[in-house]
Amino acid sequence: DYIHLLGSRNQVELRQLYAQTDIFVLASVTAADGDMEGQGLVLQEAQASGLPVVSTWHNGIPEGVLIDQSAFLVPEKDVNAIGEKIAYLVTHPTQRQQMGQAGQAFVKDHFDLQILNQQLLALYQSLL
């Protein structure tokens, strides 16, 4: 009744879904052959939308969030830990809101395309 796997969505649909959501969960695991996904742009999208994140200690995920400020990270495959963090956020709406605000600020300060482009341009100009 509470979890819906919706498949692929476009950006407009994603924004609408983020607006209807209270918590974003991304539970990544390392494949049997050692393969891992990258840092996951979806984390920045969720944080930019003001959502607190529950995710796993996996590859680049810790670099894409503010640990214990915008996101809770748990060990891979630790279903109990994921459940505990989700339950905590459900029962602490003020904390949920504060984490969402922290995530929005973090994404704005570290992943804003205009700021990143200016930094890249400045780097190139310094090399000339």
N, C-alpha and C. Protein backbone atom coordinates (compact mmCIF):
# COMPACT_ATOMS: atom_id res chain seq x y z
N ASP A 1 0.81 -1.22 0.00
CA ASP A 1 0.00 0.00 0.00
C ASP A 1 0.85 1.27 0.00
N TYR A 2 2.13 1.16 0.38
CA TYR A 2 2.93 2.35 0.57
C TYR A 2 4.09 2.49 -0.41
N ILE A 3 4.51 1.42 -1.00
CA ILE A 3 5.65 1.45 -1.91
C ILE A 3 5.18 1.13 -3.31
N HIS A 4 5.56 1.99 -4.25
CA HIS A 4 5.16 1.81 -5.64
C HIS A 4 6.41 1.89 -6.51
N LEU A 5 6.67 0.87 -7.30
CA LEU A 5 7.77 0.86 -8.25
C LEU A 5 7.21 1.35 -9.58
N LEU A 6 7.59 2.56 -9.97
CA LEU A 6 6.94 3.24 -11.08
C LEU A 6 7.68 3.13 -12.40
N GLY A 7 8.90 2.63 -12.40
CA GLY A 7 9.65 2.54 -13.65
C GLY A 7 10.16 3.90 -14.10
N SER A 8 10.55 3.96 -15.35
CA SER A 8 11.14 5.18 -15.91
C SER A 8 10.14 6.33 -15.94
N ARG A 9 10.63 7.53 -15.59
CA ARG A 9 9.80 8.73 -15.59
C ARG A 9 10.60 9.88 -16.19
N ASN A 10 9.90 10.85 -16.81
CA ASN A 10 10.58 12.04 -17.34
C ASN A 10 10.75 13.07 -16.22
N GLN A 11 11.45 14.16 -16.51
CA GLN A 11 11.78 15.16 -15.48
C GLN A 11 10.53 15.81 -14.87
N VAL A 12 9.54 16.09 -15.67
CA VAL A 12 8.31 16.70 -15.15
C VAL A 12 7.63 15.75 -14.17
N GLU A 13 7.52 14.49 -14.55
CA GLU A 13 6.91 13.49 -13.67
C GLU A 13 7.73 13.32 -12.40
N LEU A 14 9.07 13.32 -12.53
CA LEU A 14 9.92 13.18 -11.35
C LEU A 14 9.71 14.32 -10.37
N ARG A 15 9.65 15.54 -10.87
CA ARG A 15 9.43 16.69 -9.97
C ARG A 15 8.10 16.55 -9.22
N GLN A 16 7.08 16.09 -9.92
CA GLN A 16 5.78 15.89 -9.28
C GLN A 16 5.87 14.80 -8.22
N LEU A 17 6.57 13.74 -8.51
CA LEU A 17 6.71 12.65 -7.55
C LEU A 17 7.52 13.09 -6.33
N TYR A 18 8.61 13.83 -6.56
CA TYR A 18 9.40 14.33 -5.43
C TYR A 18 8.53 15.23 -4.53
N ALA A 19 7.67 16.04 -5.15
CA ALA A 19 6.82 16.94 -4.37
C ALA A 19 5.80 16.19 -3.52
N GLN A 20 5.49 14.96 -3.89
CA GLN A 20 4.52 14.14 -3.15
C GLN A 20 5.20 13.19 -2.16
N THR A 21 6.50 13.29 -2.05
CA THR A 21 7.29 12.32 -1.29
C THR A 21 7.84 12.95 -0.02
N ASP A 22 7.99 12.15 1.03
CA ASP A 22 8.53 12.64 2.30
C ASP A 22 9.98 12.22 2.53
N ILE A 23 10.37 11.06 2.02
CA ILE A 23 11.71 10.51 2.25
C ILE A 23 12.16 9.83 0.96
N PHE A 24 13.44 10.02 0.61
CA PHE A 24 14.00 9.36 -0.56
C PHE A 24 14.94 8.25 -0.11
N VAL A 25 14.73 7.04 -0.62
CA VAL A 25 15.55 5.88 -0.24
C VAL A 25 16.26 5.34 -1.48
N LEU A 26 17.58 5.18 -1.36
CA LEU A 26 18.39 4.58 -2.41
C LEU A 26 19.28 3.53 -1.77
N ALA A 27 18.89 2.27 -1.91
CA ALA A 27 19.62 1.17 -1.28
C ALA A 27 20.46 0.46 -2.33
N SER A 28 21.70 0.90 -2.48
CA SER A 28 22.60 0.31 -3.47
C SER A 28 23.40 -0.83 -2.85
N VAL A 29 23.76 -1.80 -3.67
CA VAL A 29 24.59 -2.92 -3.22
C VAL A 29 25.68 -3.20 -4.26
N THR A 30 26.78 -3.74 -3.79
CA THR A 30 27.86 -4.16 -4.67
C THR A 30 27.50 -5.51 -5.28
N ALA A 31 27.65 -5.61 -6.59
CA ALA A 31 27.32 -6.86 -7.29
C ALA A 31 28.31 -7.95 -6.90
N ALA A 32 27.94 -9.18 -7.15
CA ALA A 32 28.78 -10.33 -6.81
C ALA A 32 30.15 -10.26 -7.48
N ASP A 33 30.21 -9.62 -8.67
CA ASP A 33 31.48 -9.50 -9.38
C ASP A 33 32.26 -8.25 -8.98
N GLY A 34 31.76 -7.53 -7.95
CA GLY A 34 32.44 -6.33 -7.46
C GLY A 34 32.01 -5.05 -8.14
N ASP A 35 31.16 -5.13 -9.15
CA ASP A 35 30.70 -3.95 -9.86
C ASP A 35 29.84 -3.08 -8.94
N MET A 36 30.03 -1.77 -9.05
CA MET A 36 29.26 -0.82 -8.25
C MET A 36 28.77 0.31 -9.14
N GLU A 37 27.59 0.83 -8.81
CA GLU A 37 27.13 2.00 -9.52
C GLU A 37 27.91 3.21 -9.01
N GLY A 38 27.83 4.31 -9.76
CA GLY A 38 28.53 5.52 -9.38
C GLY A 38 27.84 6.25 -8.25
N GLN A 39 28.00 7.53 -8.24
CA GLN A 39 27.49 8.35 -7.15
C GLN A 39 25.99 8.61 -7.25
N GLY A 40 25.40 8.48 -8.36
CA GLY A 40 23.94 8.59 -8.47
C GLY A 40 23.40 10.01 -8.46
N LEU A 41 23.20 10.59 -9.63
CA LEU A 41 22.65 11.94 -9.76
C LEU A 41 21.29 12.06 -9.09
N VAL A 42 20.60 10.95 -8.97
CA VAL A 42 19.29 10.96 -8.36
C VAL A 42 19.34 11.49 -6.92
N LEU A 43 20.48 11.31 -6.25
CA LEU A 43 20.63 11.84 -4.88
C LEU A 43 20.58 13.36 -4.87
N GLN A 44 21.21 13.99 -5.86
CA GLN A 44 21.17 15.45 -5.94
C GLN A 44 19.76 15.93 -6.30
N GLU A 45 19.10 15.21 -7.17
CA GLU A 45 17.73 15.57 -7.53
C GLU A 45 16.82 15.51 -6.30
N ALA A 46 16.93 14.45 -5.54
CA ALA A 46 16.09 14.29 -4.35
C ALA A 46 16.39 15.38 -3.32
N GLN A 47 17.68 15.62 -3.08
CA GLN A 47 18.05 16.66 -2.10
C GLN A 47 17.62 18.04 -2.59
N ALA A 48 17.80 18.32 -3.88
CA ALA A 48 17.38 19.61 -4.42
C ALA A 48 15.88 19.81 -4.26
N SER A 49 15.15 18.71 -4.22
CA SER A 49 13.70 18.77 -4.03
C SER A 49 13.31 18.88 -2.56
N GLY A 50 14.31 18.91 -1.68
CA GLY A 50 14.03 19.08 -0.25
C GLY A 50 13.74 17.79 0.50
N LEU A 51 14.18 16.67 -0.07
CA LEU A 51 13.91 15.39 0.57
C LEU A 51 15.11 14.91 1.38
N PRO A 52 14.86 14.43 2.60
CA PRO A 52 15.94 13.74 3.32
C PRO A 52 16.19 12.40 2.64
N VAL A 53 17.42 11.93 2.73
CA VAL A 53 17.82 10.71 2.03
C VAL A 53 18.20 9.63 3.04
N VAL A 54 17.80 8.40 2.74
CA VAL A 54 18.30 7.21 3.42
C VAL A 54 18.95 6.38 2.33
N SER A 55 20.25 6.11 2.49
CA SER A 55 20.98 5.37 1.47
C SER A 55 22.03 4.48 2.12
N THR A 56 22.88 3.90 1.29
CA THR A 56 23.88 2.96 1.78
C THR A 56 25.30 3.51 1.62
N TRP A 57 26.19 2.97 2.46
CA TRP A 57 27.62 3.26 2.32
C TRP A 57 28.07 2.49 1.09
N HIS A 58 28.11 3.16 -0.03
CA HIS A 58 28.35 2.48 -1.30
C HIS A 58 29.05 3.44 -2.25
N ASN A 59 30.18 3.03 -2.76
CA ASN A 59 30.94 3.75 -3.77
C ASN A 59 30.96 5.26 -3.52
N GLY A 60 30.45 6.08 -4.42
CA GLY A 60 30.52 7.53 -4.28
C GLY A 60 29.37 8.18 -3.55
N ILE A 61 28.45 7.40 -3.02
CA ILE A 61 27.29 7.98 -2.35
C ILE A 61 27.67 8.91 -1.20
N PRO A 62 28.62 8.56 -0.34
CA PRO A 62 28.95 9.47 0.76
C PRO A 62 29.42 10.86 0.31
N GLU A 63 30.00 10.96 -0.90
CA GLU A 63 30.45 12.25 -1.40
C GLU A 63 29.29 13.10 -1.93
N GLY A 64 28.16 12.49 -2.18
CA GLY A 64 27.03 13.21 -2.76
C GLY A 64 25.98 13.67 -1.78
N VAL A 65 26.24 13.46 -0.49
CA VAL A 65 25.29 13.86 0.55
C VAL A 65 26.05 14.45 1.74
N LEU A 66 25.33 15.05 2.63
CA LEU A 66 25.89 15.47 3.92
C LEU A 66 25.49 14.41 4.94
N ILE A 67 26.43 13.59 5.32
CA ILE A 67 26.15 12.46 6.21
C ILE A 67 25.60 12.97 7.54
N ASP A 68 24.46 12.41 7.94
CA ASP A 68 23.74 12.74 9.16
C ASP A 68 23.20 14.17 9.20
N GLN A 69 23.31 14.88 8.07
CA GLN A 69 22.73 16.22 7.98
C GLN A 69 21.64 16.27 6.91
N SER A 70 21.93 15.72 5.73
CA SER A 70 20.92 15.63 4.68
C SER A 70 20.56 14.17 4.39
N ALA A 71 21.40 13.26 4.92
CA ALA A 71 21.18 11.84 4.62
C ALA A 71 21.68 10.96 5.75
N PHE A 72 20.99 9.85 5.91
CA PHE A 72 21.46 8.77 6.78
C PHE A 72 22.00 7.68 5.86
N LEU A 73 23.20 7.19 6.16
CA LEU A 73 23.78 6.09 5.40
C LEU A 73 23.89 4.87 6.29
N VAL A 74 23.55 3.73 5.73
CA VAL A 74 23.58 2.46 6.46
C VAL A 74 24.39 1.45 5.65
N PRO A 75 24.85 0.38 6.28
CA PRO A 75 25.59 -0.64 5.54
C PRO A 75 24.72 -1.29 4.46
N GLU A 76 25.38 -1.71 3.38
CA GLU A 76 24.67 -2.43 2.32
C GLU A 76 23.96 -3.66 2.90
N LYS A 77 22.79 -3.93 2.39
CA LYS A 77 21.97 -5.12 2.73
C LYS A 77 21.50 -5.16 4.18
N ASP A 78 21.63 -4.06 4.91
CA ASP A 78 21.17 -4.03 6.30
C ASP A 78 19.74 -3.50 6.34
N VAL A 79 18.81 -4.40 6.09
CA VAL A 79 17.40 -4.03 5.99
C VAL A 79 16.90 -3.41 7.30
N ASN A 80 17.34 -3.93 8.43
CA ASN A 80 16.90 -3.38 9.71
C ASN A 80 17.36 -1.94 9.88
N ALA A 81 18.59 -1.64 9.50
CA ALA A 81 19.10 -0.28 9.64
C ALA A 81 18.34 0.68 8.73
N ILE A 82 18.05 0.26 7.51
CA ILE A 82 17.27 1.09 6.60
C ILE A 82 15.90 1.36 7.20
N GLY A 83 15.27 0.31 7.70
CA GLY A 83 13.94 0.46 8.32
C GLY A 83 13.97 1.38 9.52
N GLU A 84 15.00 1.28 10.34
CA GLU A 84 15.12 2.14 11.52
C GLU A 84 15.25 3.61 11.13
N LYS A 85 16.05 3.89 10.11
CA LYS A 85 16.23 5.29 9.67
C LYS A 85 14.95 5.84 9.05
N ILE A 86 14.26 5.03 8.27
CA ILE A 86 12.99 5.47 7.70
C ILE A 86 11.98 5.73 8.82
N ALA A 87 11.88 4.80 9.76
CA ALA A 87 10.94 4.96 10.87
C ALA A 87 11.26 6.21 11.68
N TYR A 88 12.56 6.47 11.90
CA TYR A 88 12.96 7.67 12.63
C TYR A 88 12.47 8.92 11.91
N LEU A 89 12.68 8.98 10.61
CA LEU A 89 12.27 10.17 9.86
C LEU A 89 10.75 10.32 9.81
N VAL A 90 10.04 9.20 9.74
CA VAL A 90 8.58 9.26 9.74
C VAL A 90 8.07 9.85 11.05
N THR A 91 8.71 9.49 12.15
CA THR A 91 8.24 9.94 13.47
C THR A 91 8.87 11.25 13.93
N HIS A 92 9.76 11.82 13.13
CA HIS A 92 10.41 13.09 13.48
C HIS A 92 10.31 14.06 12.30
N PRO A 93 9.12 14.61 12.07
CA PRO A 93 8.92 15.48 10.90
C PRO A 93 9.80 16.74 10.92
N THR A 94 10.12 17.25 12.09
CA THR A 94 10.98 18.43 12.15
C THR A 94 12.38 18.09 11.65
N GLN A 95 12.90 16.95 12.09
CA GLN A 95 14.22 16.48 11.62
C GLN A 95 14.19 16.23 10.12
N ARG A 96 13.11 15.66 9.65
CA ARG A 96 12.94 15.40 8.22
C ARG A 96 13.02 16.70 7.43
N GLN A 97 12.35 17.73 7.91
CA GLN A 97 12.35 19.03 7.23
C GLN A 97 13.75 19.67 7.29
N GLN A 98 14.40 19.59 8.43
CA GLN A 98 15.75 20.16 8.56
C GLN A 98 16.73 19.46 7.63
N MET A 99 16.63 18.15 7.53
CA MET A 99 17.52 17.41 6.63
C MET A 99 17.24 17.78 5.18
N GLY A 100 15.97 17.96 4.85
CA GLY A 100 15.62 18.37 3.49
C GLY A 100 16.19 19.74 3.15
N GLN A 101 16.11 20.66 4.09
CA GLN A 101 16.67 22.00 3.87
C GLN A 101 18.19 21.95 3.74
N ALA A 102 18.83 21.13 4.56
CA ALA A 102 20.29 20.98 4.49
C ALA A 102 20.70 20.42 3.13
N GLY A 103 19.94 19.46 2.63
CA GLY A 103 20.23 18.88 1.33
C GLY A 103 20.06 19.87 0.20
N GLN A 104 19.02 20.68 0.26
CA GLN A 104 18.82 21.71 -0.76
C GLN A 104 19.99 22.68 -0.80
N ALA A 105 20.42 23.15 0.35
CA ALA A 105 21.55 24.08 0.42
C ALA A 105 22.83 23.42 -0.08
N PHE A 106 23.05 22.16 0.29
CA PHE A 106 24.24 21.43 -0.14
C PHE A 106 24.29 21.32 -1.66
N VAL A 107 23.19 20.94 -2.27
CA VAL A 107 23.15 20.79 -3.72
C VAL A 107 23.36 22.14 -4.39
N LYS A 108 22.72 23.17 -3.88
CA LYS A 108 22.88 24.51 -4.46
C LYS A 108 24.34 24.95 -4.39
N ASP A 109 25.00 24.70 -3.29
CA ASP A 109 26.38 25.16 -3.10
C ASP A 109 27.40 24.30 -3.84
N HIS A 110 27.12 23.01 -4.06
CA HIS A 110 28.13 22.11 -4.61
C HIS A 110 27.81 21.51 -5.97
N PHE A 111 26.57 21.62 -6.43
CA PHE A 111 26.22 20.96 -7.67
C PHE A 111 25.47 21.86 -8.65
N ASP A 112 25.38 23.15 -8.35
CA ASP A 112 24.71 24.08 -9.25
C ASP A 112 25.50 24.19 -10.55
N LEU A 113 24.86 23.93 -11.66
CA LEU A 113 25.53 23.88 -12.96
C LEU A 113 26.20 25.21 -13.31
N GLN A 114 25.56 26.32 -13.01
CA GLN A 114 26.15 27.63 -13.32
C GLN A 114 27.42 27.85 -12.52
N ILE A 115 27.39 27.51 -11.25
CA ILE A 115 28.57 27.67 -10.40
C ILE A 115 29.68 26.75 -10.88
N LEU A 116 29.35 25.50 -11.17
CA LEU A 116 30.36 24.55 -11.65
C LEU A 116 30.96 25.00 -12.98
N ASN A 117 30.14 25.55 -13.87
CA ASN A 117 30.65 26.05 -15.14
C ASN A 117 31.62 27.21 -14.93
N GLN A 118 31.28 28.11 -14.02
CA GLN A 118 32.17 29.24 -13.73
C GLN A 118 33.49 28.75 -13.13
N GLN A 119 33.44 27.77 -12.26
CA GLN A 119 34.66 27.22 -11.68
C GLN A 119 35.53 26.57 -12.76
N LEU A 120 34.89 25.83 -13.66
CA LEU A 120 35.63 25.19 -14.74
C LEU A 120 36.25 26.24 -15.67
N LEU A 121 35.49 27.26 -16.00
CA LEU A 121 36.01 28.33 -16.83
C LEU A 121 37.21 29.01 -16.17
N ALA A 122 37.09 29.29 -14.87
CA ALA A 122 38.20 29.91 -14.15
C ALA A 122 39.43 29.02 -14.15
N LEU A 123 39.24 27.72 -14.02
CA LEU A 123 40.35 26.79 -14.08
C LEU A 123 41.02 26.82 -15.44
N TYR A 124 40.23 26.77 -16.51
CA TYR A 124 40.80 26.83 -17.85
C TYR A 124 41.56 28.14 -18.07
N GLN A 125 40.97 29.26 -17.63
CA GLN A 125 41.62 30.55 -17.81
C GLN A 125 42.93 30.64 -17.03
N SER A 126 42.98 29.99 -15.89
CA SER A 126 44.22 30.02 -15.11
C SER A 126 45.34 29.23 -15.78
N LEU A 127 44.98 28.32 -16.67
CA LEU A 127 45.96 27.49 -17.36
C LEU A 127 46.50 28.17 -18.63
N LEU A 128 45.85 29.23 -19.07
CA LEU A 128 46.28 29.92 -20.29
C LEU A 128 47.46 30.82 -20.05
